[in-house]
Amino acid sequence: MNKPRPFNHQPIYIDARRERLEQVEQRARQELGLVPQSAYVPSDLHGVFSAAQKQRRKGRGLLLWSLPMLLGVLLVILASVLLIAFSKQ
């Protein structure tokens, strides 16, 4: 009788959490000296240079822009309400 074909599961989707966990484990092993350090790992450079690019930092300048704009809009609304309230008298 023939043996059945062995199970070979290859994931379709990437599990980013598992990859990060493996990277953390690998770094810990390297720091403890259990595994020699590798010279170059492309995934270590992911996101390193994005801090220098203004278009990549979306949301950081939002508060600086929105606070004066919000105050201006509130002042215009307050002025229009006061103008309407005092003009009827």
PDB file of N, CA and C in Angstrom:
ATOM      1  N   MET A   1       0.836  -1.174   0.000  1.00  0.00           N
ATOM      2  CA  MET A   1       0.000   0.000   0.000  1.00  0.00           C
ATOM      3  C   MET A   1       0.890   1.248   0.000  1.00  0.00           C
ATOM      4  N   ASN A   2       0.536   2.239  -0.822  1.00  0.00           N
ATOM      5  CA  ASN A   2       1.311   3.472  -0.939  1.00  0.00           C
ATOM      6  C   ASN A   2       1.061   4.389   0.253  1.00  0.00           C
ATOM      7  N   LYS A   3       2.114   5.145   0.622  1.00  0.00           N
ATOM      8  CA  LYS A   3       1.967   6.136   1.692  1.00  0.00           C
ATOM      9  C   LYS A   3       1.222   7.349   1.140  1.00  0.00           C
ATOM     10  N   PRO A   4       0.421   7.995   1.961  1.00  0.00           N
ATOM     11  CA  PRO A   4      -0.241   9.208   1.487  1.00  0.00           C
ATOM     12  C   PRO A   4       0.767  10.350   1.332  1.00  0.00           C
ATOM     13  N   ARG A   5       0.405  11.268   0.514  1.00  0.00           N
ATOM     14  CA  ARG A   5       1.272  12.415   0.277  1.00  0.00           C
ATOM     15  C   ARG A   5       1.402  13.220   1.584  1.00  0.00           C
ATOM     16  N   PRO A   6       2.631  13.652   1.951  1.00  0.00           N
ATOM     17  CA  PRO A   6       2.793  14.408   3.203  1.00  0.00           C
ATOM     18  C   PRO A   6       2.160  15.801   3.103  1.00  0.00           C
ATOM     19  N   PHE A   7       1.708  16.296   4.242  1.00  0.00           N
ATOM     20  CA  PHE A   7       1.062  17.608   4.305  1.00  0.00           C
ATOM     21  C   PHE A   7       2.127  18.695   4.202  1.00  0.00           C
ATOM     22  N   ASN A   8       1.933  19.635   3.291  1.00  0.00           N
ATOM     23  CA  ASN A   8       2.862  20.732   3.110  1.00  0.00           C
ATOM     24  C   ASN A   8       2.058  22.024   3.014  1.00  0.00           C
ATOM     25  N   HIS A   9       1.971  22.744   4.123  1.00  0.00           N
ATOM     26  CA  HIS A   9       1.182  23.979   4.160  1.00  0.00           C
ATOM     27  C   HIS A   9       2.081  25.169   3.869  1.00  0.00           C
ATOM     28  N   GLN A  10       1.727  25.918   2.850  1.00  0.00           N
ATOM     29  CA  GLN A  10       2.425  27.156   2.540  1.00  0.00           C
ATOM     30  C   GLN A  10       1.408  28.282   2.654  1.00  0.00           C
ATOM     31  N   PRO A  11       1.623  29.211   3.578  1.00  0.00           N
ATOM     32  CA  PRO A  11       0.619  30.257   3.802  1.00  0.00           C
ATOM     33  C   PRO A  11       0.478  31.179   2.591  1.00  0.00           C
ATOM     34  N   ILE A  12      -0.741  31.588   2.327  1.00  0.00           N
ATOM     35  CA  ILE A  12      -1.030  32.483   1.223  1.00  0.00           C
ATOM     36  C   ILE A  12      -0.794  33.924   1.651  1.00  0.00           C
ATOM     37  N   TYR A  13      -1.219  34.246   2.854  1.00  0.00           N
ATOM     38  CA  TYR A  13      -1.106  35.607   3.358  1.00  0.00           C
ATOM     39  C   TYR A  13       0.081  35.708   4.307  1.00  0.00           C
ATOM     40  N   ILE A  14       0.668  36.884   4.387  1.00  0.00           N
ATOM     41  CA  ILE A  14       1.839  37.106   5.232  1.00  0.00           C
ATOM     42  C   ILE A  14       1.361  37.507   6.626  1.00  0.00           C
ATOM     43  N   ASP A  15       1.936  36.886   7.636  1.00  0.00           N
ATOM     44  CA  ASP A  15       1.626  37.228   9.014  1.00  0.00           C
ATOM     45  C   ASP A  15       2.720  38.165   9.520  1.00  0.00           C
ATOM     46  N   ALA A  16       2.442  39.474   9.521  1.00  0.00           N
ATOM     47  CA  ALA A  16       3.448  40.469   9.903  1.00  0.00           C
ATOM     48  C   ALA A  16       3.831  40.327  11.369  1.00  0.00           C
ATOM     49  N   ARG A  17       2.893  39.948  12.208  1.00  0.00           N
ATOM     50  CA  ARG A  17       3.180  39.781  13.631  1.00  0.00           C
ATOM     51  C   ARG A  17       4.197  38.679  13.855  1.00  0.00           C
ATOM     52  N   ARG A  18       4.015  37.599  13.144  1.00  0.00           N
ATOM     53  CA  ARG A  18       4.942  36.464  13.279  1.00  0.00           C
ATOM     54  C   ARG A  18       6.332  36.851  12.776  1.00  0.00           C
ATOM     55  N   GLU A  19       6.389  37.593  11.670  1.00  0.00           N
ATOM     56  CA  GLU A  19       7.688  38.017  11.142  1.00  0.00           C
ATOM     57  C   GLU A  19       8.407  38.935  12.120  1.00  0.00           C
ATOM     58  N   ARG A  20       7.665  39.881  12.737  1.00  0.00           N
ATOM     59  CA  ARG A  20       8.284  40.769  13.723  1.00  0.00           C
ATOM     60  C   ARG A  20       8.781  39.988  14.927  1.00  0.00           C
ATOM     61  N   LEU A  21       7.996  38.999  15.355  1.00  0.00           N
ATOM     62  CA  LEU A  21       8.404  38.170  16.486  1.00  0.00           C
ATOM     63  C   LEU A  21       9.678  37.393  16.163  1.00  0.00           C
ATOM     64  N   GLU A  22       9.767  36.869  14.945  1.00  0.00           N
ATOM     65  CA  GLU A  22      10.978  36.152  14.537  1.00  0.00           C
ATOM     66  C   GLU A  22      12.180  37.092  14.485  1.00  0.00           C
ATOM     67  N   GLN A  23      11.972  38.331  14.031  1.00  0.00           N
ATOM     68  CA  GLN A  23      13.069  39.298  13.999  1.00  0.00           C
ATOM     69  C   GLN A  23      13.539  39.643  15.406  1.00  0.00           C
ATOM     70  N   VAL A  24      12.601  39.802  16.339  1.00  0.00           N
ATOM     71  CA  VAL A  24      12.964  40.100  17.725  1.00  0.00           C
ATOM     72  C   VAL A  24      13.741  38.937  18.331  1.00  0.00           C
ATOM     73  N   GLU A  25      13.279  37.725  18.066  1.00  0.00           N
ATOM     74  CA  GLU A  25      13.988  36.544  18.574  1.00  0.00           C
ATOM     75  C   GLU A  25      15.390  36.462  17.982  1.00  0.00           C
ATOM     76  N   GLN A  26      15.512  36.743  16.699  1.00  0.00           N
ATOM     77  CA  GLN A  26      16.819  36.683  16.042  1.00  0.00           C
ATOM     78  C   GLN A  26      17.773  37.724  16.633  1.00  0.00           C
ATOM     79  N   ARG A  27      17.276  38.948  16.871  1.00  0.00           N
ATOM     80  CA  ARG A  27      18.120  39.981  17.477  1.00  0.00           C
ATOM     81  C   ARG A  27      18.546  39.592  18.887  1.00  0.00           C
ATOM     82  N   ALA A  28      17.630  38.990  19.636  1.00  0.00           N
ATOM     83  CA  ALA A  28      17.963  38.572  20.995  1.00  0.00           C
ATOM     84  C   ALA A  28      19.044  37.487  20.965  1.00  0.00           C
ATOM     85  N   ARG A  29      18.920  36.554  20.027  1.00  0.00           N
ATOM     86  CA  ARG A  29      19.947  35.515  19.906  1.00  0.00           C
ATOM     87  C   ARG A  29      21.301  36.117  19.540  1.00  0.00           C
ATOM     88  N   GLN A  30      21.291  37.115  18.648  1.00  0.00           N
ATOM     89  CA  GLN A  30      22.539  37.762  18.251  1.00  0.00           C
ATOM     90  C   GLN A  30      23.159  38.521  19.414  1.00  0.00           C
ATOM     91  N   GLU A  31      22.326  39.203  20.221  1.00  0.00           N
ATOM     92  CA  GLU A  31      22.848  39.950  21.358  1.00  0.00           C
ATOM     93  C   GLU A  31      23.422  39.025  22.428  1.00  0.00           C
ATOM     94  N   LEU A  32      22.836  37.852  22.558  1.00  0.00           N
ATOM     95  CA  LEU A  32      23.350  36.883  23.530  1.00  0.00           C
ATOM     96  C   LEU A  32      24.565  36.133  23.001  1.00  0.00           C
ATOM     97  N   GLY A  33      24.841  36.275  21.713  1.00  0.00           N
ATOM     98  CA  GLY A  33      25.998  35.619  21.123  1.00  0.00           C
ATOM     99  C   GLY A  33      25.738  34.188  20.704  1.00  0.00           C
ATOM    100  N   LEU A  34      24.482  33.781  20.637  1.00  0.00           N
ATOM    101  CA  LEU A  34      24.155  32.420  20.231  1.00  0.00           C
ATOM    102  C   LEU A  34      24.278  32.234  18.720  1.00  0.00           C
ATOM    103  N   VAL A  35      24.037  33.297  17.962  1.00  0.00           N
ATOM    104  CA  VAL A  35      24.097  33.243  16.507  1.00  0.00           C
ATOM    105  C   VAL A  35      24.997  34.394  16.048  1.00  0.00           C
ATOM    106  N   PRO A  36      25.923  34.153  15.123  1.00  0.00           N
ATOM    107  CA  PRO A  36      26.757  35.256  14.647  1.00  0.00           C
ATOM    108  C   PRO A  36      25.914  36.291  13.901  1.00  0.00           C
ATOM    109  N   GLN A  37      26.295  37.560  14.017  1.00  0.00           N
ATOM    110  CA  GLN A  37      25.538  38.622  13.378  1.00  0.00           C
ATOM    111  C   GLN A  37      25.688  38.552  11.863  1.00  0.00           C
ATOM    112  N   SER A  38      24.588  38.780  11.188  1.00  0.00           N
ATOM    113  CA  SER A  38      24.642  38.819   9.731  1.00  0.00           C
ATOM    114  C   SER A  38      25.070  40.210   9.292  1.00  0.00           C
ATOM    115  N   ALA A  39      25.692  40.296   8.141  1.00  0.00           N
ATOM    116  CA  ALA A  39      26.235  41.565   7.684  1.00  0.00           C
ATOM    117  C   ALA A  39      25.133  42.514   7.201  1.00  0.00           C
ATOM    118  N   TYR A  40      24.128  42.001   6.501  1.00  0.00           N
ATOM    119  CA  TYR A  40      23.122  42.864   5.909  1.00  0.00           C
ATOM    120  C   TYR A  40      21.777  42.159   5.885  1.00  0.00           C
ATOM    121  N   VAL A  41      20.780  42.834   6.419  1.00  0.00           N
ATOM    122  CA  VAL A  41      19.407  42.333   6.361  1.00  0.00           C
ATOM    123  C   VAL A  41      18.548  43.466   5.808  1.00  0.00           C
ATOM    124  N   PRO A  42      17.981  43.298   4.611  1.00  0.00           N
ATOM    125  CA  PRO A  42      17.218  44.384   3.995  1.00  0.00           C
ATOM    126  C   PRO A  42      16.023  44.840   4.833  1.00  0.00           C
ATOM    127  N   SER A  43      15.400  43.939   5.580  1.00  0.00           N
ATOM    128  CA  SER A  43      14.219  44.325   6.350  1.00  0.00           C
ATOM    129  C   SER A  43      14.567  45.250   7.514  1.00  0.00           C
ATOM    130  N   ASP A  44      15.838  45.329   7.911  1.00  0.00           N
ATOM    131  CA  ASP A  44      16.233  46.249   8.979  1.00  0.00           C
ATOM    132  C   ASP A  44      16.162  47.704   8.534  1.00  0.00           C
ATOM    133  N   LEU A  45      16.230  47.943   7.233  1.00  0.00           N
ATOM    134  CA  LEU A  45      16.204  49.297   6.704  1.00  0.00           C
ATOM    135  C   LEU A  45      14.796  49.803   6.415  1.00  0.00           C
ATOM    136  N   HIS A  46      13.788  48.972   6.626  1.00  0.00           N
ATOM    137  CA  HIS A  46      12.413  49.352   6.306  1.00  0.00           C
ATOM    138  C   HIS A  46      11.967  50.507   7.202  1.00  0.00           C
ATOM    139  N   GLY A  47      11.645  51.645   6.601  1.00  0.00           N
ATOM    140  CA  GLY A  47      11.126  52.786   7.333  1.00  0.00           C
ATOM    141  C   GLY A  47      12.169  53.676   7.971  1.00  0.00           C
ATOM    142  N   VAL A  48      13.445  53.424   7.770  1.00  0.00           N
ATOM    143  CA  VAL A  48      14.485  54.216   8.414  1.00  0.00           C
ATOM    144  C   VAL A  48      14.547  55.615   7.836  1.00  0.00           C
ATOM    145  N   PHE A  49      14.412  55.743   6.535  1.00  0.00           N
ATOM    146  CA  PHE A  49      14.571  57.027   5.882  1.00  0.00           C
ATOM    147  C   PHE A  49      13.264  57.802   5.744  1.00  0.00           C
ATOM    148  N   SER A  50      12.147  57.209   6.129  1.00  0.00           N
ATOM    149  CA  SER A  50      10.869  57.890   5.939  1.00  0.00           C
ATOM    150  C   SER A  50      10.705  59.069   6.887  1.00  0.00           C
ATOM    151  N   ALA A  51      11.446  59.123   7.996  1.00  0.00           N
ATOM    152  CA  ALA A  51      11.336  60.250   8.915  1.00  0.00           C
ATOM    153  C   ALA A  51      11.872  61.530   8.292  1.00  0.00           C
ATOM    154  N   ALA A  52      12.759  61.425   7.328  1.00  0.00           N
ATOM    155  CA  ALA A  52      13.348  62.598   6.699  1.00  0.00           C
ATOM    156  C   ALA A  52      12.489  63.137   5.556  1.00  0.00           C
ATOM    157  N   GLN A  53      11.486  62.407   5.153  1.00  0.00           N
ATOM    158  CA  GLN A  53      10.664  62.811   4.023  1.00  0.00           C
ATOM    159  C   GLN A  53       9.386  63.475   4.525  1.00  0.00           C
ATOM    160  N   LYS A  54       9.162  64.705   4.125  1.00  0.00           N
ATOM    161  CA  LYS A  54       8.005  65.453   4.623  1.00  0.00           C
ATOM    162  C   LYS A  54       6.687  64.838   4.172  1.00  0.00           C
ATOM    163  N   GLN A  55       6.643  64.312   2.959  1.00  0.00           N
ATOM    164  CA  GLN A  55       5.392  63.746   2.475  1.00  0.00           C
ATOM    165  C   GLN A  55       5.031  62.459   3.207  1.00  0.00           C
ATOM    166  N   ARG A  56       5.995  61.811   3.882  1.00  0.00           N
ATOM    167  CA  ARG A  56       5.720  60.598   4.628  1.00  0.00           C
ATOM    168  C   ARG A  56       5.214  60.902   6.031  1.00  0.00           C
ATOM    169  N   ARG A  57       5.458  62.090   6.528  1.00  0.00           N
ATOM    170  CA  ARG A  57       5.025  62.456   7.867  1.00  0.00           C
ATOM    171  C   ARG A  57       3.692  63.183   7.766  1.00  0.00           C
ATOM    172  N   LYS A  58       2.632  62.477   7.481  1.00  0.00           N
ATOM    173  CA  LYS A  58       1.321  63.088   7.268  1.00  0.00           C
ATOM    174  C   LYS A  58       0.695  63.462   8.576  1.00  0.00           C
ATOM    175  N   GLY A  59       0.275  63.971   9.241  1.00  0.00           N
ATOM    176  CA  GLY A  59      -0.395  64.159  10.484  1.00  0.00           C
ATOM    177  C   GLY A  59       0.379  64.944  11.499  1.00  0.00           C
ATOM    178  N   ARG A  60       1.686  65.127  11.305  1.00  0.00           N
ATOM    179  CA  ARG A  60       2.466  65.832  12.318  1.00  0.00           C
ATOM    180  C   ARG A  60       2.182  67.331  12.286  1.00  0.00           C
ATOM    181  N   GLY A  61       2.029  67.926  11.104  1.00  0.00           N
ATOM    182  CA  GLY A  61       1.779  69.351  11.013  1.00  0.00           C
ATOM    183  C   GLY A  61       0.302  69.691  11.047  1.00  0.00           C
ATOM    184  N   LEU A  62      -0.549  68.718  11.205  1.00  0.00           N
ATOM    185  CA  LEU A  62      -1.979  68.939  11.172  1.00  0.00           C
ATOM    186  C   LEU A  62      -2.428  69.803  12.337  1.00  0.00           C
ATOM    187  N   LEU A  63      -1.916  69.570  13.525  1.00  0.00           N
ATOM    188  CA  LEU A  63      -2.325  70.334  14.694  1.00  0.00           C
ATOM    189  C   LEU A  63      -1.879  71.780  14.568  1.00  0.00           C
ATOM    190  N   LEU A  64      -0.694  72.022  14.044  1.00  0.00           N
ATOM    191  CA  LEU A  64      -0.198  73.378  13.887  1.00  0.00           C
ATOM    192  C   LEU A  64      -1.022  74.163  12.881  1.00  0.00           C
ATOM    193  N   TRP A  65      -1.570  73.483  11.900  1.00  0.00           N
ATOM    194  CA  TRP A  65      -2.384  74.139  10.899  1.00  0.00           C
ATOM    195  C   TRP A  65      -3.820  74.285  11.369  1.00  0.00           C
ATOM    196  N   SER A  66      -4.349  73.282  12.041  1.00  0.00           N
ATOM    197  CA  SER A  66      -5.767  73.270  12.357  1.00  0.00           C
ATOM    198  C   SER A  66      -6.115  74.151  13.545  1.00  0.00           C
ATOM    199  N   LEU A  67      -5.219  74.368  14.477  1.00  0.00           N
ATOM    200  CA  LEU A  67      -5.532  75.183  15.643  1.00  0.00           C
ATOM    201  C   LEU A  67      -5.790  76.645  15.257  1.00  0.00           C
ATOM    202  N   PRO A  68      -4.922  77.308  14.496  1.00  0.00           N
ATOM    203  CA  PRO A  68      -5.250  78.686  14.091  1.00  0.00           C
ATOM    204  C   PRO A  68      -6.500  78.758  13.195  1.00  0.00           C
ATOM    205  N   MET A  69      -6.670  77.756  12.343  1.00  0.00           N
ATOM    206  CA  MET A  69      -7.845  77.746  11.475  1.00  0.00           C
ATOM    207  C   MET A  69      -9.119  77.592  12.302  1.00  0.00           C
ATOM    208  N   LEU A  70      -9.090  76.732  13.295  1.00  0.00           N
ATOM    209  CA  LEU A  70     -10.242  76.514  14.163  1.00  0.00           C
ATOM    210  C   LEU A  70     -10.563  77.790  14.946  1.00  0.00           C
ATOM    211  N   LEU A  71      -9.544  78.446  15.470  1.00  0.00           N
ATOM    212  CA  LEU A  71      -9.775  79.695  16.199  1.00  0.00           C
ATOM    213  C   LEU A  71     -10.345  80.769  15.279  1.00  0.00           C
ATOM    214  N   GLY A  72      -9.850  80.854  14.063  1.00  0.00           N
ATOM    215  CA  GLY A  72     -10.376  81.825  13.103  1.00  0.00           C
ATOM    216  C   GLY A  72     -11.835  81.576  12.777  1.00  0.00           C
ATOM    217  N   VAL A  73     -12.184  80.333  12.557  1.00  0.00           N
ATOM    218  CA  VAL A  73     -13.575  79.988  12.239  1.00  0.00           C
ATOM    219  C   VAL A  73     -14.473  80.302  13.428  1.00  0.00           C
ATOM    220  N   LEU A  74     -14.026  79.982  14.637  1.00  0.00           N
ATOM    221  CA  LEU A  74     -14.822  80.283  15.824  1.00  0.00           C
ATOM    222  C   LEU A  74     -15.010  81.791  16.011  1.00  0.00           C
ATOM    223  N   LEU A  75     -13.979  82.575  15.745  1.00  0.00           N
ATOM    224  CA  LEU A  75     -14.108  84.028  15.856  1.00  0.00           C
ATOM    225  C   LEU A  75     -15.078  84.586  14.822  1.00  0.00           C
ATOM    226  N   VAL A  76     -15.049  84.066  13.615  1.00  0.00           N
ATOM    227  CA  VAL A  76     -15.979  84.514  12.575  1.00  0.00           C
ATOM    228  C   VAL A  76     -17.409  84.160  12.961  1.00  0.00           C
ATOM    229  N   ILE A  77     -17.621  82.966  13.470  1.00  0.00           N
ATOM    230  CA  ILE A  77     -18.971  82.556  13.900  1.00  0.00           C
ATOM    231  C   ILE A  77     -19.442  83.419  15.061  1.00  0.00           C
ATOM    232  N   LEU A  78     -18.561  83.641  16.039  1.00  0.00           N
ATOM    233  CA  LEU A  78     -18.918  84.472  17.190  1.00  0.00           C
ATOM    234  C   LEU A  78     -19.233  85.903  16.752  1.00  0.00           C
ATOM    235  N   ALA A  79     -18.443  86.458  15.839  1.00  0.00           N
ATOM    236  CA  ALA A  79     -18.682  87.815  15.357  1.00  0.00           C
ATOM    237  C   ALA A  79     -20.007  87.894  14.614  1.00  0.00           C
ATOM    238  N   SER A  80     -20.321  86.890  13.802  1.00  0.00           N
ATOM    239  CA  SER A  80     -21.587  86.923  13.060  1.00  0.00           C
ATOM    240  C   SER A  80     -22.782  86.773  13.999  1.00  0.00           C
ATOM    241  N   VAL A  81     -22.661  85.961  15.035  1.00  0.00           N
ATOM    242  CA  VAL A  81     -23.754  85.808  16.015  1.00  0.00           C
ATOM    243  C   VAL A  81     -23.960  87.114  16.774  1.00  0.00           C
ATOM    244  N   LEU A  82     -22.869  87.731  17.204  1.00  0.00           N
ATOM    245  CA  LEU A  82     -22.983  89.007  17.917  1.00  0.00           C
ATOM    246  C   LEU A  82     -23.533  90.102  17.004  1.00  0.00           C
ATOM    247  N   LEU A  83     -23.136  90.129  15.756  1.00  0.00           N
ATOM    248  CA  LEU A  83     -23.643  91.114  14.809  1.00  0.00           C
ATOM    249  C   LEU A  83     -25.148  90.961  14.603  1.00  0.00           C
ATOM    250  N   ILE A  84     -25.578  89.713  14.463  1.00  0.00           N
ATOM    251  CA  ILE A  84     -27.015  89.456  14.277  1.00  0.00           C
ATOM    252  C   ILE A  84     -27.782  89.812  15.546  1.00  0.00           C
ATOM    253  N   ALA A  85     -27.239  89.476  16.725  1.00  0.00           N
ATOM    254  CA  ALA A  85     -27.933  89.723  17.983  1.00  0.00           C
ATOM    255  C   ALA A  85     -28.076  91.215  18.265  1.00  0.00           C
ATOM    256  N   PHE A  86     -27.030  92.008  17.990  1.00  0.00           N
ATOM    257  CA  PHE A  86     -27.085  93.432  18.295  1.00  0.00           C
ATOM    258  C   PHE A  86     -27.709  94.264  17.185  1.00  0.00           C
ATOM    259  N   SER A  87     -27.825  93.721  15.991  1.00  0.00           N
ATOM    260  CA  SER A  87     -28.410  94.484  14.902  1.00  0.00           C
ATOM    261  C   SER A  87     -29.944  94.511  14.991  1.00  0.00           C
ATOM    262  N   LYS A  88     -30.573  93.578  15.703  1.00  0.00           N
ATOM    263  CA  LYS A  88     -32.023  93.518  15.818  1.00  0.00           C
ATOM    264  C   LYS A  88     -32.531  94.497  16.876  1.00  0.00           C
ATOM    265  N   GLN A  89     -31.668  95.026  17.695  1.00  0.00           N
ATOM    266  CA  GLN A  89     -32.133  95.929  18.754  1.00  0.00           C
ATOM    267  C   GLN A  89     -32.361  97.307  18.296  1.00  0.00           C
TER     268      GLN A  89
END
